[in-house]
Amino acid sequence: MNAVRASAPASIGNVGVGFDIMGLSFDAVRDEVTAVREEQPGVRLGAVSGLVTALPAEIGANTALAAAQAVLDAAGVETGIRLDIHKGVPLSAGMGGSAASAVAGAAAANALIGSPFDEEALLPMALEGERAASDPPPWDNVIASLCGGLVLAASEQPLKLHRLPVPKGIVALLFHPALTIETRAARALLADRVPHRVAVEHSRRVAAFVAGVTLGDLSLLRAGFEDLLAEPQRRHLLPCLTDVQAAARDAGALGCSFSGSGPSVFALVEQHSAAAVETAMASAFAAAGIAADAYRAPLGGEGVRIITPDNRELR
């Protein structure tokens, strides 16, 4: 093929308690990267469209370009590739915008050169792309956008990813307020150490959450939802977070937290409560005088997709 397109979804990093170890595909919006073969070796930026119309042209500052270059380097290929990027996922929003571009860039480049790498093997290249946005690159958004669904990074060395089952009838609501929080800045706020009691209680909640989604036990999921590690240290970045969370829970949400480092806030909700929870969260943002866009997607959405020039999808 001389051209191929990859589509990668937004994602919810951490998923409440899973700081840097769990990510959830959020298939409400997507980034698309089209890789076009060129004569001159290397990767360069082509057209930029969608939510933004300009992105860095330097490989080290653009997650899609960096990921595509990592694919060429790993494959030992010196072909030329132009990347056209359509941004459907907001940047600095806590929706995995940089990760979606990195995953789509890696997947498009891989498909263009004959797909020498399978999905799991693409992870290191996508992480190299994400490094352009945050160094060291967090895994949570990248693994969700790449693999789809609710993904657990069970081990880094040796690499082991596991896609967890998700309960039926659950949807994710996400509100993106008209604010920006850069991932680097948000990570810089986090302390290197936490008290022993916090570590123990947080471990308890991670275990409850994973057991809840695996068993389909919503009471366990609810009990394990609250993040005790990152969220307390970042809460001041969105002063209305407490009110939004209270509104979501009072309306029936299983839990509500920052999506990644924020400022977006997500809630997991049973389908029959989704409208009420969405209305309650919207009212809480409005009461704080903050405009926020609402998104909704079922749990278990797809990861990256490859689309050929004749519009055939290759998973």
C-alpha atoms as a PDB file:
ATOM      1  CA  MET A   1       0.000   0.000   0.000  1.00  0.00           C
ATOM      2  CA  ASN A   2       1.114   3.548  -0.688  1.00  0.00           C
ATOM      3  CA  ALA A   3      -1.252   5.027   1.883  1.00  0.00           C
ATOM      4  CA  VAL A   4      -3.065   3.716   4.931  1.00  0.00           C
ATOM      5  CA  ARG A   5      -5.074   5.275   7.749  1.00  0.00           C
ATOM      6  CA  ALA A   6      -5.118   4.385  11.444  1.00  0.00           C
ATOM      7  CA  SER A   7      -7.831   5.439  13.876  1.00  0.00           C
ATOM      8  CA  ALA A   8      -7.193   5.389  17.650  1.00  0.00           C
ATOM      9  CA  PRO A   9      -9.695   6.240  20.394  1.00  0.00           C
ATOM     10  CA  ALA A  10      -9.562   8.635  23.297  1.00  0.00           C
ATOM     11  CA  SER A  11      -8.945   7.011  26.651  1.00  0.00           C
ATOM     12  CA  ILE A  12      -9.473   7.389  30.377  1.00  0.00           C
ATOM     13  CA  GLY A  13      -6.181   7.094  32.204  1.00  0.00           C
ATOM     14  CA  ASN A  14      -5.888   5.564  35.684  1.00  0.00           C
ATOM     15  CA  VAL A  15      -9.631   4.689  35.707  1.00  0.00           C
ATOM     16  CA  GLY A  16      -9.856   6.042  39.237  1.00  0.00           C
ATOM     17  CA  VAL A  17      -7.581   3.833  41.324  1.00  0.00           C
ATOM     18  CA  GLY A  18      -5.318   2.400  38.609  1.00  0.00           C
ATOM     19  CA  PHE A  19      -2.632   5.083  38.489  1.00  0.00           C
ATOM     20  CA  ASP A  20      -0.297   4.228  35.585  1.00  0.00           C
ATOM     21  CA  ILE A  21      -1.455   0.589  35.505  1.00  0.00           C
ATOM     22  CA  MET A  22      -5.002   0.718  34.056  1.00  0.00           C
ATOM     23  CA  GLY A  23      -6.520   2.477  31.087  1.00  0.00           C
ATOM     24  CA  LEU A  24      -9.989   2.468  29.564  1.00  0.00           C
ATOM     25  CA  SER A  25     -10.669   2.975  25.871  1.00  0.00           C
ATOM     26  CA  PHE A  26     -13.197   5.801  25.419  1.00  0.00           C
ATOM     27  CA  ASP A  27     -14.563   5.386  21.930  1.00  0.00           C
ATOM     28  CA  ALA A  28     -16.543   8.626  21.811  1.00  0.00           C
ATOM     29  CA  VAL A  29     -13.891  10.488  19.797  1.00  0.00           C
ATOM     30  CA  ARG A  30     -10.833   9.388  17.816  1.00  0.00           C
ATOM     31  CA  ASP A  31      -7.635  10.614  16.220  1.00  0.00           C
ATOM     32  CA  GLU A  32      -6.855   9.551  12.662  1.00  0.00           C
ATOM     33  CA  VAL A  33      -3.379   9.410  11.151  1.00  0.00           C
ATOM     34  CA  THR A  34      -2.858   8.743   7.446  1.00  0.00           C
ATOM     35  CA  ALA A  35       0.576   7.453   6.469  1.00  0.00           C
ATOM     36  CA  VAL A  36       1.622   8.162   2.880  1.00  0.00           C
ATOM     37  CA  ARG A  37       4.713   6.629   1.312  1.00  0.00           C
ATOM     38  CA  GLU A  38       7.317   9.126   0.036  1.00  0.00           C
ATOM     39  CA  GLU A  39      10.684   8.842  -1.695  1.00  0.00           C
ATOM     40  CA  GLN A  40      12.762  10.805   0.803  1.00  0.00           C
ATOM     41  CA  PRO A  41      13.586   8.611   3.845  1.00  0.00           C
ATOM     42  CA  GLY A  42      12.293   9.558   7.257  1.00  0.00           C
ATOM     43  CA  VAL A  43       9.056  10.801   8.760  1.00  0.00           C
ATOM     44  CA  ARG A  44       7.593  14.241   8.186  1.00  0.00           C
ATOM     45  CA  LEU A  45       4.395  16.062   9.089  1.00  0.00           C
ATOM     46  CA  GLY A  46       1.778  16.649   6.429  1.00  0.00           C
ATOM     47  CA  ALA A  47      -1.683  18.194   6.815  1.00  0.00           C
ATOM     48  CA  VAL A  48      -3.194  18.814  10.257  1.00  0.00           C
ATOM     49  CA  SER A  49      -6.949  19.082  10.668  1.00  0.00           C
ATOM     50  CA  GLY A  50      -9.736  18.657  13.194  1.00  0.00           C
ATOM     51  CA  LEU A  51      -9.677  20.295  16.614  1.00  0.00           C
ATOM     52  CA  VAL A  52      -6.289  21.854  15.840  1.00  0.00           C
ATOM     53  CA  THR A  53      -4.747  22.916  12.555  1.00  0.00           C
ATOM     54  CA  ALA A  54      -1.105  23.130  13.627  1.00  0.00           C
ATOM     55  CA  LEU A  55       1.143  20.672  15.450  1.00  0.00           C
ATOM     56  CA  PRO A  56       4.927  20.566  15.975  1.00  0.00           C
ATOM     57  CA  ALA A  57       6.828  19.418  12.896  1.00  0.00           C
ATOM     58  CA  GLU A  58       9.827  18.241  14.946  1.00  0.00           C
ATOM     59  CA  ILE A  59       9.818  14.488  15.505  1.00  0.00           C
ATOM     60  CA  GLY A  60      10.796  14.815  19.154  1.00  0.00           C
ATOM     61  CA  ALA A  61       7.883  17.159  19.874  1.00  0.00           C
ATOM     62  CA  ASN A  62       5.082  15.333  18.014  1.00  0.00           C
ATOM     63  CA  THR A  63       3.793  12.048  19.418  1.00  0.00           C
ATOM     64  CA  ALA A  64       2.579  10.656  16.089  1.00  0.00           C
ATOM     65  CA  LEU A  65       5.836  11.461  14.287  1.00  0.00           C
ATOM     66  CA  ALA A  66       7.968  10.087  17.127  1.00  0.00           C
ATOM     67  CA  ALA A  67       5.976   6.846  17.231  1.00  0.00           C
ATOM     68  CA  ALA A  68       6.174   6.377  13.458  1.00  0.00           C
ATOM     69  CA  GLN A  69       9.918   7.005  13.511  1.00  0.00           C
ATOM     70  CA  ALA A  70      10.298   4.451  16.310  1.00  0.00           C
ATOM     71  CA  VAL A  71       8.523   1.892  14.108  1.00  0.00           C
ATOM     72  CA  LEU A  72      10.887   2.551  11.186  1.00  0.00           C
ATOM     73  CA  ASP A  73      13.913   2.354  13.477  1.00  0.00           C
ATOM     74  CA  ALA A  74      12.755  -0.926  15.058  1.00  0.00           C
ATOM     75  CA  ALA A  75      12.041  -2.451  11.638  1.00  0.00           C
ATOM     76  CA  GLY A  76      15.316  -1.210  10.157  1.00  0.00           C
ATOM     77  CA  VAL A  77      13.431   0.394   7.284  1.00  0.00           C
ATOM     78  CA  GLU A  78      14.515   3.630   5.614  1.00  0.00           C
ATOM     79  CA  THR A  79      11.351   4.393   3.677  1.00  0.00           C
ATOM     80  CA  GLY A  80       9.845   7.861   3.632  1.00  0.00           C
ATOM     81  CA  ILE A  81       6.514   8.532   5.330  1.00  0.00           C
ATOM     82  CA  ARG A  82       4.303  11.607   5.473  1.00  0.00           C
ATOM     83  CA  LEU A  83       1.758  11.691   8.281  1.00  0.00           C
ATOM     84  CA  ASP A  84      -1.496  13.607   7.884  1.00  0.00           C
ATOM     85  CA  ILE A  85      -3.117  14.002  11.302  1.00  0.00           C
ATOM     86  CA  HIS A  86      -6.780  14.605  12.045  1.00  0.00           C
ATOM     87  CA  LYS A  87      -7.274  15.470  15.712  1.00  0.00           C
ATOM     88  CA  GLY A  88     -10.600  14.368  17.121  1.00  0.00           C
ATOM     89  CA  VAL A  89      -9.327  14.041  20.710  1.00  0.00           C
ATOM     90  CA  PRO A  90      -8.660  17.286  22.615  1.00  0.00           C
ATOM     91  CA  LEU A  91      -5.133  17.926  23.872  1.00  0.00           C
ATOM     92  CA  SER A  92      -4.236  18.626  27.528  1.00  0.00           C
ATOM     93  CA  ALA A  93      -7.730  17.461  28.442  1.00  0.00           C
ATOM     94  CA  GLY A  94      -7.181  14.197  30.312  1.00  0.00           C
ATOM     95  CA  MET A  95      -8.617  12.264  27.365  1.00  0.00           C
ATOM     96  CA  GLY A  96      -5.422  10.691  26.079  1.00  0.00           C
ATOM     97  CA  GLY A  97      -5.037  13.056  23.134  1.00  0.00           C
ATOM     98  CA  SER A  98      -1.278  12.628  22.856  1.00  0.00           C
ATOM     99  CA  ALA A  99      -1.551   8.849  23.307  1.00  0.00           C
ATOM    100  CA  ALA A 100      -4.206   8.514  20.592  1.00  0.00           C
ATOM    101  CA  SER A 101      -1.919  10.274  18.115  1.00  0.00           C
ATOM    102  CA  ALA A 102       1.054   8.153  19.183  1.00  0.00           C
ATOM    103  CA  VAL A 103      -0.878   4.898  18.808  1.00  0.00           C
ATOM    104  CA  ALA A 104      -2.364   5.917  15.454  1.00  0.00           C
ATOM    105  CA  GLY A 105       1.044   7.085  14.208  1.00  0.00           C
ATOM    106  CA  ALA A 106       2.725   3.814  15.181  1.00  0.00           C
ATOM    107  CA  ALA A 107      -0.074   1.681  13.728  1.00  0.00           C
ATOM    108  CA  ALA A 108      -0.239   3.596  10.448  1.00  0.00           C
ATOM    109  CA  ALA A 109       3.522   3.410   9.907  1.00  0.00           C
ATOM    110  CA  ASN A 110       3.528  -0.289  10.786  1.00  0.00           C
ATOM    111  CA  ALA A 111       0.733  -1.049   8.307  1.00  0.00           C
ATOM    112  CA  LEU A 112       2.415   0.963   5.564  1.00  0.00           C
ATOM    113  CA  ILE A 113       5.604  -1.118   5.774  1.00  0.00           C
ATOM    114  CA  GLY A 114       3.773  -4.447   5.788  1.00  0.00           C
ATOM    115  CA  SER A 115       2.825  -4.881   9.463  1.00  0.00           C
ATOM    116  CA  PRO A 116       6.014  -6.478  10.820  1.00  0.00           C
ATOM    117  CA  PHE A 117       4.814  -5.873  14.404  1.00  0.00           C
ATOM    118  CA  ASP A 118       1.717  -7.233  16.099  1.00  0.00           C
ATOM    119  CA  GLU A 119      -0.386  -5.139  18.467  1.00  0.00           C
ATOM    120  CA  GLU A 120       1.555  -5.905  21.640  1.00  0.00           C
ATOM    121  CA  ALA A 121       4.905  -5.430  19.900  1.00  0.00           C
ATOM    122  CA  LEU A 122       3.797  -1.931  18.874  1.00  0.00           C
ATOM    123  CA  LEU A 123       3.525  -0.817  22.496  1.00  0.00           C
ATOM    124  CA  PRO A 124       7.192   0.227  22.937  1.00  0.00           C
ATOM    125  CA  MET A 125       7.001   2.314  19.741  1.00  0.00           C
ATOM    126  CA  ALA A 126       3.760   3.975  20.826  1.00  0.00           C
ATOM    127  CA  LEU A 127       5.328   4.710  24.218  1.00  0.00           C
ATOM    128  CA  GLU A 128       8.267   6.351  22.463  1.00  0.00           C
ATOM    129  CA  GLY A 129       5.736   8.565  20.757  1.00  0.00           C
ATOM    130  CA  GLU A 130       4.046   9.391  24.066  1.00  0.00           C
ATOM    131  CA  ARG A 131       7.470  10.332  25.440  1.00  0.00           C
ATOM    132  CA  ALA A 132       7.234  13.494  23.303  1.00  0.00           C
ATOM    133  CA  ALA A 133       4.373  14.617  25.565  1.00  0.00           C
ATOM    134  CA  SER A 134       5.476  13.198  28.914  1.00  0.00           C
ATOM    135  CA  ASP A 135       8.815  11.709  29.913  1.00  0.00           C
ATOM    136  CA  PRO A 136       8.791   9.040  31.241  1.00  0.00           C
ATOM    137  CA  PRO A 137       5.723   8.101  29.207  1.00  0.00           C
ATOM    138  CA  PRO A 138       2.726   6.850  31.218  1.00  0.00           C
ATOM    139  CA  TRP A 139       1.295   3.542  30.037  1.00  0.00           C
ATOM    140  CA  ASP A 140      -2.367   3.879  30.943  1.00  0.00           C
ATOM    141  CA  ASN A 141      -3.699   5.906  28.005  1.00  0.00           C
ATOM    142  CA  VAL A 142      -1.412   4.201  25.494  1.00  0.00           C
ATOM    143  CA  ILE A 143      -2.428   0.623  26.342  1.00  0.00           C
ATOM    144  CA  ALA A 144      -6.125   1.522  26.292  1.00  0.00           C
ATOM    145  CA  SER A 145      -5.961   3.315  22.953  1.00  0.00           C
ATOM    146  CA  LEU A 146      -3.892   0.501  21.461  1.00  0.00           C
ATOM    147  CA  CYS A 147      -5.758  -2.536  22.787  1.00  0.00           C
ATOM    148  CA  GLY A 148      -9.262  -1.231  23.484  1.00  0.00           C
ATOM    149  CA  GLY A 149     -11.478  -2.012  26.462  1.00  0.00           C
ATOM    150  CA  LEU A 150     -10.252  -1.920  30.057  1.00  0.00           C
ATOM    151  CA  VAL A 151      -6.573  -2.853  30.044  1.00  0.00           C
ATOM    152  CA  LEU A 152      -4.293  -3.758  32.944  1.00  0.00           C
ATOM    153  CA  ALA A 153      -0.528  -3.477  32.618  1.00  0.00           C
ATOM    154  CA  ALA A 154       0.137  -6.561  34.739  1.00  0.00           C
ATOM    155  CA  SER A 155       3.898  -6.455  34.213  1.00  0.00           C
ATOM    156  CA  GLU A 156       6.356  -4.170  32.465  1.00  0.00           C
ATOM    157  CA  GLN A 157       9.292  -6.596  32.446  1.00  0.00           C
ATOM    158  CA  PRO A 158       8.440  -9.049  31.041  1.00  0.00           C
ATOM    159  CA  LEU A 159       5.639  -7.260  29.221  1.00  0.00           C
ATOM    160  CA  LYS A 160       2.200  -8.586  30.095  1.00  0.00           C
ATOM    161  CA  LEU A 161      -0.998  -6.739  29.224  1.00  0.00           C
ATOM    162  CA  HIS A 162      -4.400  -8.114  30.163  1.00  0.00           C
ATOM    163  CA  ARG A 163      -7.750  -6.901  28.890  1.00  0.00           C
ATOM    164  CA  LEU A 164     -10.150  -7.133  31.818  1.00  0.00           C
ATOM    165  CA  PRO A 165     -13.819  -8.046  31.314  1.00  0.00           C
ATOM    166  CA  VAL A 166     -16.275  -5.235  31.868  1.00  0.00           C
ATOM    167  CA  PRO A 167     -19.745  -5.526  33.404  1.00  0.00           C
ATOM    168  CA  LYS A 168     -22.650  -5.330  30.984  1.00  0.00           C
ATOM    169  CA  GLY A 169     -24.908  -2.310  30.946  1.00  0.00           C
ATOM    170  CA  ILE A 170     -22.250   0.162  32.145  1.00  0.00           C
ATOM    171  CA  VAL A 171     -21.370   3.358  30.299  1.00  0.00           C
ATOM    172  CA  ALA A 172     -18.685   5.975  30.829  1.00  0.00           C
ATOM    173  CA  LEU A 173     -19.650   9.629  31.000  1.00  0.00           C
ATOM    174  CA  LEU A 174     -16.920  12.211  30.551  1.00  0.00           C
ATOM    175  CA  PHE A 175     -17.044  15.979  30.954  1.00  0.00           C
ATOM    176  CA  HIS A 176     -14.289  18.075  29.443  1.00  0.00           C
ATOM    177  CA  PRO A 177     -14.273  21.537  31.059  1.00  0.00           C
ATOM    178  CA  ALA A 178     -12.923  24.557  29.217  1.00  0.00           C
ATOM    179  CA  LEU A 179      -9.573  24.270  30.992  1.00  0.00           C
ATOM    180  CA  THR A 180      -6.220  22.665  30.205  1.00  0.00           C
ATOM    181  CA  ILE A 181      -3.842  20.720  32.406  1.00  0.00           C
ATOM    182  CA  GLU A 182      -0.566  19.521  30.917  1.00  0.00           C
ATOM    183  CA  THR A 183       0.381  15.982  31.885  1.00  0.00           C
ATOM    184  CA  ARG A 184       3.979  16.936  32.689  1.00  0.00           C
ATOM    185  CA  ALA A 185       2.837  19.651  35.100  1.00  0.00           C
ATOM    186  CA  ALA A 186       0.263  17.403  36.764  1.00  0.00           C
ATOM    187  CA  ARG A 187       2.783  14.602  37.284  1.00  0.00           C
ATOM    188  CA  ALA A 188       5.261  17.058  38.771  1.00  0.00           C
ATOM    189  CA  LEU A 189       2.787  17.689  41.609  1.00  0.00           C
ATOM    190  CA  LEU A 190       2.953  14.106  42.863  1.00  0.00           C
ATOM    191  CA  ALA A 191       5.021  13.228  45.925  1.00  0.00           C
ATOM    192  CA  ASP A 192       7.649  10.488  45.643  1.00  0.00           C
ATOM    193  CA  ARG A 193       6.412   8.797  48.834  1.00  0.00           C
ATOM    194  CA  VAL A 194       3.069   8.169  50.502  1.00  0.00           C
ATOM    195  CA  PRO A 195       2.298   7.031  54.071  1.00  0.00           C
ATOM    196  CA  HIS A 196       2.125   3.285  54.694  1.00  0.00           C
ATOM    197  CA  ARG A 197      -1.573   3.436  55.619  1.00  0.00           C
ATOM    198  CA  VAL A 198      -2.379   5.186  52.321  1.00  0.00           C
ATOM    199  CA  ALA A 199      -0.476   2.562  50.331  1.00  0.00           C
ATOM    200  CA  VAL A 200      -2.339  -0.250  52.086  1.00  0.00           C
ATOM    201  CA  GLU A 201      -5.764   1.331  51.677  1.00  0.00           C
ATOM    202  CA  HIS A 202      -5.110   2.164  48.032  1.00  0.00           C
ATOM    203  CA  SER A 203      -4.008  -1.435  47.367  1.00  0.00           C
ATOM    204  CA  ARG A 204      -7.258  -2.606  48.943  1.00  0.00           C
ATOM    205  CA  ARG A 205      -9.232  -0.435  46.552  1.00  0.00           C
ATOM    206  CA  VAL A 206      -7.329  -1.523  43.451  1.00  0.00           C
ATOM    207  CA  ALA A 207      -8.021  -5.138  44.406  1.00  0.00           C
ATOM    208  CA  ALA A 208     -11.710  -4.408  44.979  1.00  0.00           C
ATOM    209  CA  PHE A 209     -12.043  -2.583  41.661  1.00  0.00           C
ATOM    210  CA  VAL A 210     -10.364  -5.335  39.629  1.00  0.00           C
ATOM    211  CA  ALA A 211     -12.408  -8.001  41.403  1.00  0.00           C
ATOM    212  CA  GLY A 212     -15.562  -5.971  40.810  1.00  0.00           C
ATOM    213  CA  VAL A 213     -15.132  -5.632  37.057  1.00  0.00           C
ATOM    214  CA  THR A 214     -13.938  -9.231  36.689  1.00  0.00           C
ATOM    215  CA  LEU A 215     -16.839 -10.702  38.647  1.00  0.00           C
ATOM    216  CA  GLY A 216     -19.413  -8.175  37.481  1.00  0.00           C
ATOM    217  CA  ASP A 217     -19.963  -7.206  41.131  1.00  0.00           C
ATOM    218  CA  LEU A 218     -20.936  -3.536  41.099  1.00  0.00           C
ATOM    219  CA  SER A 219     -20.747  -3.224  44.874  1.00  0.00           C
ATOM    220  CA  LEU A 220     -17.051  -4.178  44.741  1.00  0.00           C
ATOM    221  CA  LEU A 221     -16.466  -1.828  41.826  1.00  0.00           C
ATOM    222  CA  ARG A 222     -18.050   1.019  43.774  1.00  0.00           C
ATOM    223  CA  ALA A 223     -16.060   0.184  46.926  1.00  0.00           C
ATOM    224  CA  GLY A 224     -12.794   0.260  45.003  1.00  0.00           C
ATOM    225  CA  PHE A 225     -13.326   3.371  42.930  1.00  0.00           C
ATOM    226  CA  GLU A 226     -11.806   6.211  44.957  1.00  0.00           C
ATOM    227  CA  ASP A 227      -8.203   7.177  44.139  1.00  0.00           C
ATOM    228  CA  LEU A 228      -6.102   7.870  47.230  1.00  0.00           C
ATOM    229  CA  LEU A 229      -2.771   8.389  45.463  1.00  0.00           C
ATOM    230  CA  ALA A 230      -2.941  11.026  42.716  1.00  0.00           C
ATOM    231  CA  GLU A 231      -6.348  12.683  43.006  1.00  0.00           C
ATOM    232  CA  PRO A 232      -5.861  14.237  46.478  1.00  0.00           C
ATOM    233  CA  GLN A 233      -2.670  15.895  45.274  1.00  0.00           C
ATOM    234  CA  ARG A 234      -4.333  17.271  42.136  1.00  0.00           C
ATOM    235  CA  ARG A 235      -7.780  18.167  43.434  1.00  0.00           C
ATOM    236  CA  HIS A 236      -6.928  21.900  43.606  1.00  0.00           C
ATOM    237  CA  LEU A 237      -6.479  21.953  39.808  1.00  0.00           C
ATOM    238  CA  LEU A 238     -10.274  21.749  39.476  1.00  0.00           C
ATOM    239  CA  PRO A 239     -11.871  23.377  42.551  1.00  0.00           C
ATOM    240  CA  CYS A 240     -15.366  22.153  41.645  1.00  0.00           C
ATOM    241  CA  LEU A 241     -14.277  18.492  41.496  1.00  0.00           C
ATOM    242  CA  THR A 242     -15.728  17.645  44.905  1.00  0.00           C
ATOM    243  CA  ASP A 243     -19.126  19.092  43.953  1.00  0.00           C
ATOM    244  CA  VAL A 244     -19.132  17.297  40.596  1.00  0.00           C
ATOM    245  CA  GLN A 245     -18.288  13.992  42.265  1.00  0.00           C
ATOM    246  CA  ALA A 246     -20.979  14.426  44.897  1.00  0.00           C
ATOM    247  CA  ALA A 247     -23.551  15.259  42.230  1.00  0.00           C
ATOM    248  CA  ALA A 248     -22.601  12.172  40.208  1.00  0.00           C
ATOM    249  CA  ARG A 249     -22.766   9.826  43.198  1.00  0.00           C
ATOM    250  CA  ASP A 250     -26.046  11.273  44.455  1.00  0.00           C
ATOM    251  CA  ALA A 251     -27.560  10.676  41.006  1.00  0.00           C
ATOM    252  CA  GLY A 252     -26.464   7.030  41.020  1.00  0.00           C
ATOM    253  CA  ALA A 253     -22.913   6.886  39.607  1.00  0.00           C
ATOM    254  CA  LEU A 254     -20.737   3.964  40.640  1.00  0.00           C
ATOM    255  CA  GLY A 255     -17.850   6.388  40.987  1.00  0.00           C
ATOM    256  CA  CYS A 256     -16.427   9.625  39.632  1.00  0.00           C
ATOM    257  CA  SER A 257     -12.850  10.831  39.292  1.00  0.00           C
ATOM    258  CA  PHE A 258     -10.361  12.728  37.166  1.00  0.00           C
ATOM    259  CA  SER A 259      -9.764  11.197  33.760  1.00  0.00           C
ATOM    260  CA  GLY A 260      -5.999  10.843  33.787  1.00  0.00           C
ATOM    261  CA  SER A 261      -4.482  14.032  35.147  1.00  0.00           C
ATOM    262  CA  GLY A 262      -7.612  16.047  34.340  1.00  0.00           C
ATOM    263  CA  PRO A 263      -9.210  18.466  33.868  1.00  0.00           C
ATOM    264  CA  SER A 264     -11.747  16.054  32.370  1.00  0.00           C
ATOM    265  CA  VAL A 265     -13.873  14.160  34.875  1.00  0.00           C
ATOM    266  CA  PHE A 266     -15.437  10.771  34.188  1.00  0.00           C
ATOM    267  CA  ALA A 267     -18.054   8.625  35.873  1.00  0.00           C
ATOM    268  CA  LEU A 268     -18.985   4.981  35.432  1.00  0.00           C
ATOM    269  CA  VAL A 269     -22.741   4.605  35.422  1.00  0.00           C
ATOM    270  CA  GLU A 270     -25.371   1.947  34.936  1.00  0.00           C
ATOM    271  CA  GLN A 271     -27.202   2.578  31.672  1.00  0.00           C
ATOM    272  CA  HIS A 272     -30.529   3.321  33.355  1.00  0.00           C
ATOM    273  CA  SER A 273     -28.912   6.088  35.454  1.00  0.00           C
ATOM    274  CA  ALA A 274     -26.827   7.673  32.694  1.00  0.00           C
ATOM    275  CA  ALA A 275     -29.208  10.527  31.828  1.00  0.00           C
ATOM    276  CA  ALA A 276     -29.710  11.516  35.467  1.00  0.00           C
ATOM    277  CA  VAL A 277     -25.988  11.419  36.248  1.00  0.00           C
ATOM    278  CA  GLU A 278     -25.118  13.403  33.128  1.00  0.00           C
ATOM    279  CA  THR A 279     -27.661  16.083  34.063  1.00  0.00           C
ATOM    280  CA  ALA A 280     -26.364  16.236  37.640  1.00  0.00           C
ATOM    281  CA  MET A 281     -22.724  16.587  36.567  1.00  0.00           C
ATOM    282  CA  ALA A 282     -23.620  19.235  34.000  1.00  0.00           C
ATOM    283  CA  SER A 283     -25.482  21.208  36.676  1.00  0.00           C
ATOM    284  CA  ALA A 284     -22.499  21.026  39.036  1.00  0.00           C
ATOM    285  CA  PHE A 285     -20.149  22.398  36.375  1.00  0.00           C
ATOM    286  CA  ALA A 286     -22.662  25.115  35.499  1.00  0.00           C
ATOM    287  CA  ALA A 287     -23.014  26.094  39.172  1.00  0.00           C
ATOM    288  CA  ALA A 288     -19.238  26.570  39.280  1.00  0.00           C
ATOM    289  CA  GLY A 289     -19.409  28.791  36.192  1.00  0.00           C
ATOM    290  CA  ILE A 290     -17.382  26.363  34.071  1.00  0.00           C
ATOM    291  CA  ALA A 291     -18.436  25.366  30.566  1.00  0.00           C
ATOM    292  CA  ALA A 292     -17.931  21.663  29.904  1.00  0.00           C
ATOM    293  CA  ASP A 293     -18.537  19.385  26.916  1.00  0.00           C
ATOM    294  CA  ALA A 294     -20.182  16.041  27.672  1.00  0.00           C
ATOM    295  CA  TYR A 295     -19.275  12.711  26.039  1.00  0.00           C
ATOM    296  CA  ARG A 296     -20.678   9.218  26.492  1.00  0.00           C
ATOM    297  CA  ALA A 297     -19.437   5.786  25.418  1.00  0.00           C
ATOM    298  CA  PRO A 298     -20.107   2.174  26.433  1.00  0.00           C
ATOM    299  CA  LEU A 299     -17.364   0.259  28.219  1.00  0.00           C
ATOM    300  CA  GLY A 300     -15.306  -2.123  26.139  1.00  0.00           C
ATOM    301  CA  GLY A 301     -14.771   0.092  23.087  1.00  0.00           C
ATOM    302  CA  GLU A 302     -12.352  -0.853  20.332  1.00  0.00           C
ATOM    303  CA  GLY A 303      -8.686   0.073  20.252  1.00  0.00           C
ATOM    304  CA  VAL A 304      -6.709   1.114  17.192  1.00  0.00           C
ATOM    305  CA  ARG A 305      -8.138   0.297  13.749  1.00  0.00           C
ATOM    306  CA  ILE A 306      -6.383   0.173  10.377  1.00  0.00           C
ATOM    307  CA  ILE A 307      -8.346   1.439   7.388  1.00  0.00           C
ATOM    308  CA  THR A 308      -7.105   0.674   3.877  1.00  0.00           C
ATOM    309  CA  PRO A 309      -7.500   3.084   0.932  1.00  0.00           C
ATOM    310  CA  ASP A 310     -10.587   1.177  -0.187  1.00  0.00           C
ATOM    311  CA  ASN A 311     -12.097   1.745   3.306  1.00  0.00           C
ATOM    312  CA  ARG A 312     -11.661  -1.816   4.551  1.00  0.00           C
ATOM    313  CA  GLU A 313     -11.002  -2.059   8.280  1.00  0.00           C
ATOM    314  CA  LEU A 314      -8.166  -4.251   9.505  1.00  0.00           C
ATOM    315  CA  ARG A 315      -8.080  -4.756  13.297  1.00  0.00           C
END
